[in-house]
Protein backbone atom coordinates (compact mmCIF):
# COMPACT_ATOMS: atom_id res chain seq x y z
CA MET A 1 -7.98 -18.86 15.66
CA LYS A 2 -8.55 -19.17 19.38
CA TYR A 3 -9.40 -15.79 20.89
CA SER A 4 -7.92 -16.05 24.35
CA VAL A 5 -4.78 -14.94 26.17
CA THR A 6 -3.28 -15.80 29.54
CA SER A 7 -3.70 -13.45 32.48
CA GLU A 8 -0.02 -12.48 32.18
CA GLU A 9 -0.43 -11.72 28.48
CA ARG A 10 -3.51 -9.65 29.20
CA LEU A 11 -1.64 -7.40 31.64
CA TYR A 12 1.34 -7.10 29.29
CA LEU A 13 -0.77 -6.27 26.21
CA ARG A 14 -2.71 -3.65 28.12
CA GLU A 15 0.56 -1.97 29.15
CA LEU A 16 1.65 -1.89 25.50
CA ALA A 17 -1.71 -0.39 24.58
CA LYS A 18 -1.30 2.31 27.22
CA LYS A 19 2.12 3.18 25.82
CA GLN A 20 0.78 3.36 22.26
CA LEU A 21 -2.13 5.54 23.42
CA GLU A 22 0.28 7.85 25.24
CA LEU A 23 2.37 8.26 22.10
CA SER A 24 -0.73 8.86 19.99
CA LYS A 25 -1.59 11.86 22.17
CA LEU A 26 1.78 13.57 21.74
CA PRO A 27 1.47 17.07 20.20
CA VAL A 28 3.71 15.97 17.33
CA MET A 29 1.12 13.40 16.30
CA GLN A 30 -1.51 16.08 15.97
CA GLU A 31 0.94 18.13 13.90
CA ARG A 32 1.65 15.15 11.66
CA GLN A 33 -2.03 14.43 11.21
CA LYS A 34 -2.61 18.01 10.07
CA HIS A 35 0.41 17.70 7.78
CA TRP A 36 -1.14 14.63 6.14
CA TYR A 37 -4.50 16.31 5.60
CA ASP A 38 -2.73 19.33 4.13
CA ASN A 39 -0.58 17.09 1.95
CA ASN A 40 -3.43 15.01 0.55
CA GLU A 41 -5.62 18.08 0.00
CA LEU A 42 -2.85 19.99 -1.81
CA ARG A 43 -2.15 22.61 0.88
CA SER A 44 1.11 21.36 2.37
CA GLU A 45 4.19 23.57 2.34
CA LYS A 46 6.57 20.58 2.37
CA PRO A 47 6.52 16.82 1.73
CA VAL A 48 5.60 14.18 4.27
CA ILE A 49 8.33 11.59 4.86
CA ILE A 50 7.64 7.88 5.34
CA ILE A 51 9.78 4.77 5.67
CA GLU A 52 7.76 1.60 5.10
CA ALA A 53 9.30 -0.56 7.81
CA GLY A 54 7.22 -3.71 7.51
CA PRO A 55 9.79 -5.68 5.49
CA PHE A 56 12.42 -5.23 8.23
CA ARG A 57 10.00 -5.38 11.16
CA ASP A 58 11.98 -8.17 12.87
CA GLU A 59 15.03 -5.90 13.08
CA LEU A 60 13.07 -3.25 14.98
CA ILE A 61 11.22 -5.20 17.63
CA PRO A 62 12.57 -7.59 20.27
CA GLY A 63 11.52 -11.22 20.51
CA LEU A 64 7.84 -11.61 21.31
CA LYS A 65 6.81 -12.60 24.83
CA CYS A 66 3.29 -13.84 24.12
CA THR A 67 2.70 -17.47 23.22
CA SER A 68 -0.95 -17.35 22.13
CA GLU A 69 -1.51 -16.64 18.43
CA ILE A 70 -3.79 -13.63 18.91
CA GLY A 71 -1.56 -12.34 21.69
CA ARG A 72 1.49 -12.46 19.43
CA GLN A 73 -0.38 -10.65 16.67
CA LEU A 74 -1.42 -7.83 18.96
CA GLU A 75 1.98 -7.67 20.64
CA ALA A 76 3.82 -7.49 17.32
CA GLU A 77 1.54 -4.76 16.01
CA MET A 78 1.88 -2.51 19.06
CA LEU A 79 5.61 -3.12 19.48
CA PHE A 80 6.09 -2.27 15.82
CA ASN A 81 4.17 1.00 16.14
CA ILE A 82 6.16 1.96 19.23
CA ALA A 83 9.51 0.98 17.68
CA ASN A 84 8.73 2.96 14.54
CA HIS A 85 8.32 6.09 16.65
CA GLU A 86 11.37 5.46 18.80
CA LEU A 87 13.79 4.31 16.09
CA ILE A 88 12.53 5.91 12.86
CA ASN A 89 10.34 8.83 13.89
CA ASP A 90 9.05 9.54 10.40
CA ASP A 91 5.73 11.21 9.64
CA LYS A 92 3.54 8.23 10.47
CA VAL A 93 0.80 9.12 12.94
CA MET A 94 0.62 6.78 15.94
CA PRO A 95 -2.74 4.96 15.70
CA ASP A 96 -5.17 5.47 18.57
CA TYR A 97 -7.00 2.28 17.65
CA ILE A 98 -6.46 -1.43 16.93
CA PRO A 99 -7.57 -2.51 13.44
CA VAL A 100 -9.69 -5.63 13.04
CA ASN A 101 -9.76 -6.53 9.38
CA ARG A 102 -12.92 -8.09 8.03
CA HIS A 103 -12.62 -11.86 7.59
CA ILE A 104 -13.10 -11.97 3.82
CA SER A 105 -11.72 -14.87 1.85
CA MET A 106 -11.23 -14.93 -1.90
CA LYS A 107 -10.12 -17.70 -4.24
CA GLU A 108 -9.01 -15.69 -7.22
CA LEU A 109 -10.50 -16.98 -10.48
CA ASP A 110 -11.22 -20.20 -8.53
CA MET A 111 -7.57 -21.19 -9.01
CA ASP A 112 -5.58 -23.47 -6.73
CA ARG A 113 -2.30 -21.56 -6.89
CA VAL A 114 0.83 -23.61 -6.30
CA ILE A 115 3.70 -21.45 -5.03
CA HIS A 116 7.22 -22.63 -4.24
CA ARG A 117 9.00 -20.34 -1.80
CA ALA A 118 12.69 -19.90 -1.05
CA LYS A 119 14.39 -18.56 2.07
CA ASP A 120 17.36 -16.24 2.23
CA SER A 121 20.41 -16.78 4.44
CA HIS A 122 18.49 -15.43 7.44
CA GLY A 123 15.50 -17.71 6.93
CA LYS A 124 13.22 -14.97 5.56
CA GLU A 125 11.00 -15.98 2.65
CA LEU A 126 11.48 -13.55 -0.24
CA GLY A 127 11.83 -15.36 -3.55
CA TYR A 128 9.23 -17.70 -5.01
CA SER A 129 8.07 -19.37 -8.20
CA SER A 130 4.54 -20.27 -9.28
CA GLU A 131 2.86 -22.99 -11.31
CA HIS A 132 0.47 -21.34 -13.75
CA LEU A 133 -3.01 -22.27 -14.89
CA ILE A 134 -2.59 -21.02 -18.48
CA LYS A 135 0.08 -22.63 -20.67
CA ASP A 136 -1.25 -21.27 -23.97
CA LEU A 137 -3.75 -18.43 -23.82
CA LYS A 138 -5.69 -19.37 -26.94
CA ASP A 139 -5.99 -23.06 -26.07
CA ASP A 140 -6.54 -22.63 -22.33
CA PHE A 141 -8.78 -19.56 -22.15
CA SER A 142 -11.77 -21.75 -21.31
CA LEU A 143 -10.06 -22.77 -18.05
CA LEU A 144 -10.72 -19.32 -16.58
CA LYS A 145 -13.47 -19.21 -13.96
CA LYS A 146 -15.06 -16.53 -11.81
CA SER A 147 -13.51 -15.85 -8.42
CA VAL A 148 -15.09 -17.38 -5.34
CA TYR A 149 -15.37 -15.32 -2.16
CA SER A 150 -17.15 -15.29 1.17
CA TYR A 151 -17.47 -13.27 4.36
CA ASP A 152 -17.19 -14.72 7.84
CA ASP A 153 -19.37 -12.34 9.82
CA LYS A 154 -19.27 -14.50 12.95
CA GLY A 155 -15.48 -14.74 12.87
CA THR A 156 -15.13 -11.00 12.33
CA ARG A 157 -17.45 -10.28 15.25
CA GLU A 158 -15.65 -12.71 17.56
CA HIS A 159 -12.32 -11.12 16.65
CA PHE A 160 -13.67 -7.60 17.15
CA ASP A 161 -15.37 -8.40 20.47
CA PHE A 162 -12.22 -10.05 21.82
CA VAL A 163 -9.99 -7.09 20.99
CA GLN A 164 -12.56 -4.59 22.23
CA ASN A 165 -12.99 -6.45 25.53
CA LEU A 166 -9.25 -6.81 25.98
CA LEU A 167 -8.05 -3.32 24.99
CA GLY A 168 -11.09 -1.25 24.02
CA ASP A 169 -11.05 0.93 27.13
CA ILE A 170 -7.52 1.99 26.08
CA LEU A 171 -7.34 1.61 22.30
CA GLU A 172 -10.67 1.06 20.57
CA ALA A 173 -11.09 -1.82 18.17
CA ARG A 174 -12.01 -0.62 14.68
CA ILE A 175 -13.33 -2.66 11.76
CA THR A 176 -11.15 -2.24 8.66
CA ASN A 177 -11.03 -3.79 5.21
CA ASN A 178 -7.75 -3.95 3.27
CA THR A 179 -8.85 -6.48 0.65
CA LEU A 180 -8.83 -3.88 -2.13
CA LEU A 181 -5.53 -2.21 -1.19
CA TRP A 182 -3.50 -4.12 -3.82
CA PHE A 183 -6.43 -5.56 -5.74
CA MET A 184 -6.18 -3.20 -8.73
CA SER A 185 -2.82 -4.66 -9.78
CA PHE A 186 -4.36 -6.18 -12.87
CA THR A 187 -1.18 -7.06 -14.73
CA ALA A 188 0.21 -8.77 -11.61
CA ARG A 189 -2.93 -10.86 -11.46
CA SER A 190 -2.60 -11.80 -15.11
CA VAL A 191 0.96 -12.92 -14.39
CA ASN A 192 -0.40 -15.09 -11.57
CA ILE A 193 -2.53 -16.82 -14.19
CA MET A 194 0.03 -17.39 -16.93
CA GLY A 195 3.47 -16.08 -16.00
CA LEU A 196 5.20 -12.94 -17.26
CA GLU A 197 6.88 -14.47 -20.30
CA ARG A 198 3.62 -15.97 -21.62
CA LEU A 199 1.83 -12.68 -21.05
CA MET A 200 4.47 -10.80 -23.07
CA TYR A 201 4.31 -13.27 -25.95
CA SER A 202 0.51 -13.38 -25.90
CA MET A 203 0.26 -9.66 -26.59
CA MET A 204 1.99 -10.38 -29.90
CA ASP A 205 0.70 -13.88 -30.69
CA TYR A 206 -2.87 -13.58 -29.37
CA PRO A 207 -3.76 -9.89 -29.11
CA GLU A 208 -7.52 -10.47 -29.17
CA GLU A 209 -7.34 -13.13 -26.46
CA THR A 210 -5.08 -10.89 -24.36
CA VAL A 211 -7.68 -8.11 -24.46
CA LYS A 212 -10.35 -10.67 -23.55
CA LEU A 213 -8.19 -11.82 -20.61
CA PHE A 214 -7.87 -8.32 -19.21
CA ASP A 215 -11.58 -7.68 -19.72
CA PHE A 216 -12.35 -10.94 -17.92
CA ILE A 217 -10.17 -9.96 -14.96
CA LEU A 218 -11.70 -6.48 -14.85
CA GLU A 219 -15.27 -7.79 -14.95
CA ASP A 220 -14.46 -10.32 -12.23
CA SER A 221 -12.93 -7.54 -10.14
CA PHE A 222 -15.98 -5.31 -10.53
CA GLU A 223 -18.24 -8.18 -9.46
CA TYR A 224 -16.11 -8.61 -6.32
CA MET A 225 -16.38 -4.90 -5.55
CA ASP A 226 -20.12 -4.96 -6.23
CA TRP A 227 -20.50 -7.87 -3.82
CA GLN A 228 -18.67 -5.95 -1.10
CA GLU A 229 -20.82 -2.87 -1.71
CA GLU A 230 -24.07 -4.84 -1.67
CA ASN A 231 -23.14 -6.59 1.57
CA ASN A 232 -21.90 -3.37 3.21
CA LEU A 233 -18.40 -4.77 3.73
CA LEU A 234 -16.27 -1.81 2.64
CA ALA A 235 -14.63 0.43 5.23
CA LEU A 236 -13.56 4.05 4.87
CA ASP A 237 -9.85 4.75 4.39
CA ASN A 238 -9.88 8.57 4.68
CA GLY A 239 -7.94 8.64 7.95
CA ASN A 240 -4.90 7.03 9.55
CA ILE A 241 -4.86 3.96 7.35
CA ARG A 242 -2.88 2.81 4.33
CA ALA A 243 -4.21 4.12 1.03
CA GLY A 244 -1.85 3.76 -1.87
CA SER A 245 1.67 2.46 -2.34
CA GLY A 246 3.10 3.24 1.10
CA SER A 247 0.91 6.31 1.59
CA TYR A 248 -1.95 7.16 3.97
CA GLY A 249 -5.52 8.21 3.31
CA PHE A 250 -6.08 11.34 5.41
CA THR A 251 -8.58 13.53 3.56
CA ASN A 252 -11.83 15.39 4.07
CA GLU A 253 -12.68 14.96 0.39
CA LEU A 254 -13.95 11.46 1.16
CA PRO A 255 -16.49 10.02 1.71
CA THR A 256 -19.16 11.36 -0.63
CA LYS A 257 -22.21 13.31 0.53
CA GLN A 258 -24.37 10.32 -0.33
CA CYS A 259 -22.33 8.07 1.97
CA LYS A 260 -22.59 10.57 4.82
CA GLU A 261 -26.37 10.69 4.38
CA THR A 262 -27.03 6.97 3.95
CA GLY A 263 -24.13 5.36 5.81
CA ARG A 264 -23.54 2.98 2.90
CA ILE A 265 -19.99 2.88 1.60
CA THR A 266 -19.19 2.33 -2.07
CA THR A 267 -15.87 2.39 -3.90
CA ARG A 268 -16.61 6.06 -4.71
CA ASP A 269 -16.02 6.75 -1.00
CA ILE A 270 -12.52 5.26 -0.79
CA TRP A 271 -9.09 5.45 -2.40
CA GLY A 272 -8.19 3.26 -5.36
CA ASN A 273 -4.61 1.98 -5.45
CA MET A 274 -3.44 0.64 -8.80
CA ASN A 275 -0.20 -0.18 -10.56
CA SER A 276 1.14 -2.07 -13.55
CA GLN A 277 4.72 -2.93 -12.69
CA GLU A 278 4.70 -6.01 -14.91
CA SER A 279 4.14 -3.98 -18.09
CA VAL A 280 7.43 -2.12 -17.76
CA GLY A 281 8.89 -4.24 -20.56
CA ILE A 282 6.44 -3.17 -23.26
CA SER A 283 6.33 0.02 -25.32
CA PRO A 284 4.17 3.01 -24.38
CA SER A 285 1.97 2.32 -27.40
CA MET A 286 1.38 -1.28 -26.30
CA TYR A 287 0.61 -0.10 -22.79
CA GLU A 288 -1.95 2.29 -24.24
CA GLU A 289 -3.48 -0.46 -26.38
CA PHE A 290 -3.59 -3.38 -23.96
CA ILE A 291 -3.16 -2.14 -20.41
CA PHE A 292 -4.49 1.37 -19.98
CA PRO A 293 -8.13 0.70 -20.93
CA ILE A 294 -8.77 -1.49 -17.88
CA TYR A 295 -7.04 0.92 -15.48
CA LYS A 296 -9.00 3.81 -16.94
CA LYS A 297 -12.29 2.00 -16.29
CA ALA A 298 -11.23 0.96 -12.79
CA ALA A 299 -10.15 4.48 -11.79
CA GLU A 300 -13.62 5.80 -12.55
CA ARG A 301 -15.05 3.72 -9.71
CA PHE A 302 -13.02 5.37 -6.92
CA GLY A 303 -13.17 8.67 -5.08
CA LEU A 304 -9.42 9.31 -5.26
CA VAL A 305 -6.71 7.31 -7.02
CA TYR A 306 -3.07 6.49 -6.31
CA TYR A 307 -1.27 5.14 -9.39
CA GLY A 308 2.01 3.28 -9.59
CA CYS A 309 4.56 1.47 -7.49
CA CYS A 310 8.06 0.55 -8.75
CA GLU A 311 7.40 1.07 -12.47
CA PRO A 312 8.54 4.29 -14.18
CA VAL A 313 5.61 6.36 -15.43
CA HIS A 314 7.25 9.18 -17.39
CA GLU A 315 6.87 7.49 -20.80
CA ILE A 316 3.15 6.82 -20.31
CA TRP A 317 2.27 9.94 -18.31
CA GLU A 318 1.04 12.27 -21.03
CA THR A 319 -0.80 9.72 -23.17
CA CYS A 320 -2.27 7.57 -20.41
CA VAL A 321 -1.74 7.99 -16.67
CA SER A 322 -2.48 11.72 -16.62
CA LYS A 323 -5.94 10.90 -18.03
CA LEU A 324 -6.99 8.65 -15.14
CA ALA A 325 -10.13 9.88 -13.39
CA ASN A 326 -9.76 11.12 -9.81
CA LEU A 327 -5.96 10.82 -9.88
CA ARG A 328 -4.40 12.38 -6.79
CA LYS A 329 -1.01 10.70 -6.43
CA VAL A 330 1.46 9.10 -8.82
CA SER A 331 4.48 7.03 -7.79
CA ILE A 332 7.85 8.38 -8.92
CA SER A 333 10.00 5.26 -8.62
CA PRO A 334 13.82 4.99 -8.66
CA TRP A 335 13.58 4.21 -12.39
CA CYS A 336 11.46 7.24 -13.21
CA ASN A 337 12.66 10.47 -14.82
CA GLU A 338 12.33 12.75 -11.80
CA GLU A 339 12.87 16.01 -13.61
CA TYR A 340 10.32 15.25 -16.32
CA MET A 341 7.66 14.26 -13.79
CA GLY A 342 8.44 17.22 -11.54
CA GLU A 343 7.80 19.58 -14.44
CA ALA A 344 4.69 17.67 -15.52
CA LEU A 345 3.13 17.74 -12.05
CA ARG A 346 4.09 21.27 -11.03
CA GLY A 347 0.90 23.32 -10.82
CA SER A 348 -1.34 20.25 -11.04
CA ASN A 349 -3.55 18.58 -8.43
CA VAL A 350 -1.48 15.37 -8.57
CA ILE A 351 1.05 14.64 -5.83
CA TYR A 352 4.62 13.64 -6.68
CA SER A 353 4.91 10.47 -4.55
CA ARG A 354 8.63 9.87 -4.66
CA LYS A 355 10.17 6.44 -3.93
CA PRO A 356 13.91 6.93 -3.37
CA SER A 357 16.27 4.05 -4.03
CA PRO A 358 16.15 1.50 -1.18
CA ASN A 359 19.80 0.61 -1.70
CA PHE A 360 21.15 3.33 0.58
CA LEU A 361 19.50 1.75 3.61
CA GLY A 362 19.15 -1.87 2.53
CA VAL A 363 22.59 -2.63 1.11
CA GLY A 364 25.87 -2.35 3.03
CA SER A 365 26.84 0.58 5.21
CA PHE A 366 25.03 3.91 5.08
CA ASP A 367 26.80 6.30 2.69
CA GLU A 368 25.33 9.54 4.03
CA SER A 369 27.06 11.75 1.49
CA ALA A 370 25.72 9.82 -1.51
CA PHE A 371 22.31 9.61 0.14
CA LYS A 372 22.17 13.38 0.55
CA GLU A 373 22.94 13.91 -3.12
CA HIS A 374 20.20 11.43 -4.05
CA ILE A 375 17.62 13.31 -1.96
CA LYS A 376 18.80 16.72 -3.17
CA LYS A 377 18.08 15.58 -6.72
CA THR A 378 14.53 14.67 -5.71
CA ILE A 379 13.90 17.96 -3.93
CA LYS A 380 15.16 19.98 -6.89
CA ALA A 381 12.92 18.01 -9.25
CA ALA A 382 9.75 18.12 -7.12
CA ARG A 383 9.79 21.48 -5.40
CA GLY A 384 7.21 23.99 -6.48
CA GLY A 385 4.60 21.22 -6.54
CA HIS A 386 3.01 18.86 -4.05
CA ALA A 387 5.10 15.91 -2.90
CA GLU A 388 5.63 13.08 -0.46
CA ILE A 389 8.77 10.98 0.04
CA ILE A 390 8.14 7.30 0.76
CA PHE A 391 10.91 4.74 1.21
CA ARG A 392 9.80 1.23 0.22
CA ASP A 393 11.32 -2.17 -0.56
CA ILE A 394 13.94 -2.02 2.17
CA TYR A 395 14.15 -5.64 3.28
CA THR A 396 16.95 -5.30 5.79
CA LEU A 397 18.86 -2.57 7.63
CA THR A 398 21.96 -4.79 7.60
CA ASP A 399 22.19 -5.03 11.39
CA ASP A 400 21.95 -1.27 11.95
CA ASN A 401 18.42 -0.38 12.99
CA ARG A 402 19.40 3.25 13.52
CA LYS A 403 19.98 3.86 9.80
CA ALA A 404 16.32 4.54 9.05
CA GLY A 405 16.06 7.23 11.73
CA LYS A 406 19.24 8.88 10.46
CA ALA A 407 17.85 8.89 6.94
CA VAL A 408 14.60 10.53 8.04
CA GLN A 409 16.44 13.31 9.83
CA ILE A 410 18.71 13.91 6.83
CA VAL A 411 15.68 14.20 4.55
CA ARG A 412 13.92 16.56 6.98
CA ASP A 413 16.97 18.81 7.19
CA LEU A 414 17.36 18.92 3.41
CA VAL A 415 13.67 19.68 2.91
CA ASP A 416 13.86 22.50 5.44
CA ASP A 417 16.90 23.95 3.64
CA MET A 418 15.86 23.47 0.02
CA TRP A 419 12.11 23.03 -0.45
CA ARG A 420 11.06 26.64 -0.84
């Protein structure tokens, strides 16, 4: 990428940065930051409320003015942050910095993945199909190779210096690393290798090879994490940065004392985010036999753990998920038994991270009455414990970008009326 902008872009981007900085200093942002710390450290008196707006970003921000690639990236990021506050006004804290993600590349299992993508009626790429390396696990197991990865220190530094020189006197540039955010989705990665149907059959036809496959993926993953630790590439995620499925990492419980003393970051100093959505079609006993062992080992490496995404966890909670080391949050998806999980988590140190149905905002007109009943059900199930409410997988607001803000206010009002 070429790190340069025109003089007009420079002036425009600096004005956007000033506006973002101004919003970050609002008293409400300080209140929200405290709310997040209280939430993640089990002191909050009510849930935080988040709408993950990335999938419908284009419906929130106007057309971009910049023409340079880096200029458009920075413009889109700041416009998105500003629009989220103005149109949604959920409990996100306005960042007072610009993230510069480390330039780390990884070729997973040294595979050349072939992906065929499809566009919807609006030209947005959503659906896709993949060509898979493994056709038969027993015959093709030898095709598996170790992942190949590298770090572009020069590119990272050039990127950082450019952003810092352009905006650093307003919003500081900050090195981040999001390469592990979705990395502990081990079943998703096995599906990338062989497809979901083959994975399901292999558990029955080739149980020993299936266990070997998961162990291979886990060992490869640990080597990748070790490499990042040894090369001091990890970045802390205990502040205003994504940590978990739609959640944020604010906590004083991380990093460890050793990290504070030495300055070296390990996975014990950051959040682990893991899920196994692809195993929803197998029995709890099969999950315990094939899937849980690798997640259990992975969880032990992290300081705090967020488990789950769209999969229901109630059937595997008692026998498996509840036994994960350092577990702090568990996703309560639209397919999860809310009442069961509310009872199971009440009085525990695990946060009920509720994902309401995205259909109320993403499909058709906004049925406020039905939406209220949906949220009331969640509040009744979760109250008395620790909770957060995170809307995800909303891919469009169906030409009404005010719906999300309305939904947030409805949830806030209901929480105020019903939570305690």
